[in-house]
Amino acid sequence: MNESNPRKFKFRSALVETAPGKPEWRNNVVVTIHAGQIINVQPDVVDAVGTLVEGAAIPAMVNVHSHAFQRGFAGLSEFRTASNDSFWTWRNLMYEFVRELSPEDVFVIARQVYLEMVIAGYSWVGEFHYLHNDPAGKPYANRGEMAGAILRAADETKIGICLLPVLYQRSGFATEHVEEGQLRFALANDDYFGLLEICQKKTRNTPDALLGMAIHSLRAVGRNSIAAALEYRDAALPDCPIHIHAAEQTQELEDCLAATGKRSIEYLLSTFAVDPRWCLIHATHMNQSETENLAASGATVGLCPTTEANLGDGFFPAQEFLSHNGSISIGSDSHCSVDVRDEIRTLEYGQRLKTRNRSVLGTATESVGRRLYLACSTGGGKAIGVATGSIAIGFRADMIVINDQHPTIAGAAQDRLLDRLIFSNSGNPISKRMIGGQWIGDSELQSAWQKSSDEFFNLNRRFLGSR
């Protein structure tokens, strides 16, 4: 719902951009909002203007990479299944989980995880959606039924969504077919393009929803099909973002090298016109040349640190990538954690473990918390093609307010507030949440939580009881 007249809110403290690309902490900031957009930002306003908001306002975050259905699977794979458990053994368990999920099941799971995202401080989600077919691998009578369930969940929870239908066609570089566990994901090119047309209509009819495209990975889609998908995008969806899993696992890197003579990122950059509309998910295993060239392309890397740690992926070369002005964002991927702070903290702690140093991703002028939070908030908006992630004129009014009287926050000034929020906080000090200019109240969240969690509980009990 968009208001007919501009509204003004006065924040005691806010991290705002008064000049493009230069966020700074200011006091007594009046933010004017109209139709979900920020149309004016005025710091240092002494007189009482607008509705007073206590606390410190910061941009809300984009969850750039989500497989919503995997929230129902989180915590069910923490046992040994082989002498050397890995991403690939985890994947087999995931295939077992999705075998019987219905569209209504997917709606229940997605609604739960999207609500958890809103509570955690996310305002948008990039949904990497590849559960397309029925349990037998056949299309539903309504080709967009699964996508519709995802969009309905986002609409109910008020989170913005960039729906990213995924092209998935083979199980690896050496074959053109999928395995049995992948039948629910597979689409031929024409079927995929038809799904995009259906999803384009659905997103137009869903508030705060837009459409992107996704290639599952180099191993799951061949060169010719990727080229055809990019041609379709240029003709039908020229401005849409495109996401792809890339270089997450060393085995995939080795398989790509054997099949193409090039490493994964090297092959992607040399074969396709990767530009700022692209988001490469993970990009964990890169050499120096790949790191520099990917940063130069303007593409964003979608980091999912808690999932990457859970799966034992490895360490992203964050220090090197950021030193070349690379663009990063965060996502919760498999949803073993749904917490902005966990993702940023795990990213930094991974670099500390790798280098055996502290404050690795901070700079002489920026604390770790400030640098990573702002890099990920702006990178997230860029990755999904939405002007969000900054409190600035022309951006969406997507923000959270931190309770500066919270025990773990109180007394922290400016950037120290971000550092305490991320590195010394076990509670949830968010006091207010705004998405698209609309406040989401605590009573509204509590009511939604009760309904969602009850149905999610019943789904889990049914699933676990059958195994």
Foldseek 3Di string as FASTA:
>chain_A
DWDPDKAKEWEQWEFADPDPPDTDIAGRWIFIDGQQFTADIDGPDDDDDGHYDYFYKFFFFEQEEAAQLLQLVQPVPPDDDDPDAFPVVVVVVVLVVLLADDLVNSLLSLLQLLLLLQLQRHQEYEHADQQQDHNQLHADPPRCSNVLSNLVSCLLNNHAYAYAYEAFADDFLVDRHHDSSCSSRHDDLVSSLVNQVVVQVVQVVGPNYHYAYEYAECTGDDLVSVVVVVVCCVVPPNQFAYEYEWLQAVVRQVRCCVNPVHGTLVCDVVRDLQALSYEYECQADDDLVSLLVQQVRNHEYEYQQVVSVVRVRHARPVLSNVVNVRAYAYHNYSPSDNHPLVRLVSNQVRVCVVVVDHQSVADPVGGSLVVVLQSHLCSSCSNGVAQGSHSYRPHGPWMWGFNCPPPQRPPQDIRSNSVSCRPPDDDRRTDWTDHSNDIQDPVNSVVSNVVSVVVSVVVSCVSVVVD
